Amino acid sequence: MNLYMAPDGHPRCGWAGSAPEFLDYHDNEWGYPVTDDIRLFEKISLEGFQSGLSWRTILAKRDNFREAFAGFDFHIVANCGQSEVDQLLGNPGIVRHRGKIEAVINNAGKAVELQAETGSLASFFWRYEPEPGEIETPQSASTSPSSIALSRELKRRGWKFVGPTTIFAFMQAMGLINDHADGYIIRAEAAAKRGAFKPVR
């Protein structure tokens, strides 16, 4: 695995040094466990927008996405119609891809249904936390049995832009998988937070 020697003298995952804004995202967000439903919906939506693009592009536009999609409050987004789609297609601050925009609105409605059924998005997503050992080497895979299973179930429920690779990236970012480089400072911090973490199930 390629590593990046950060300015503090500690190595990080190699991708953390590939853009100036990545180090803060890597150190303070990526891989830490999340149970907030809004954050989970935001991330799965942004991963859908990233499909075919770079995460740097999406991260640079994240505040614009948040403003455009009502802070990713899926109860609000679920009520968007064609006029809102047209407005979003004219918004230069986001990725103006009709299919992806419509997918977020569709998925918001599915998220409302899922929350009503299971109590929270977190209680559903964390059922798919991989068993120890499912991923033997950090950042060695782009899918996993758990991401394939979660993708399949979301598709069965009518979600869109939730393929296994997109879902694997979502699981990495939201801490369902600790995929930080093995033996280094941030992996240990993420592991400690996961150790104190009680998933809602």
Foldseek 3Di string as FASTA:
>chain_A
DDWDQDPVRFIWRPVCPVDPPSVCLRQPFFQAADFDQQVLLLLLLLLLLCVVHDVVLSVVLVVVVCVLQVNSQLVVLLPDDDVSLVVQLVDPSGPNDSVSSVLSNQVSVLQVVVCVVQVGPQQVLLVLLDDPPQDPFAPPDQFTPSLQVVLVVVVVSPHPSRHRSSSSSSCRRNNSDLRIHPPTDSSVVSVVSVVVDDGDD
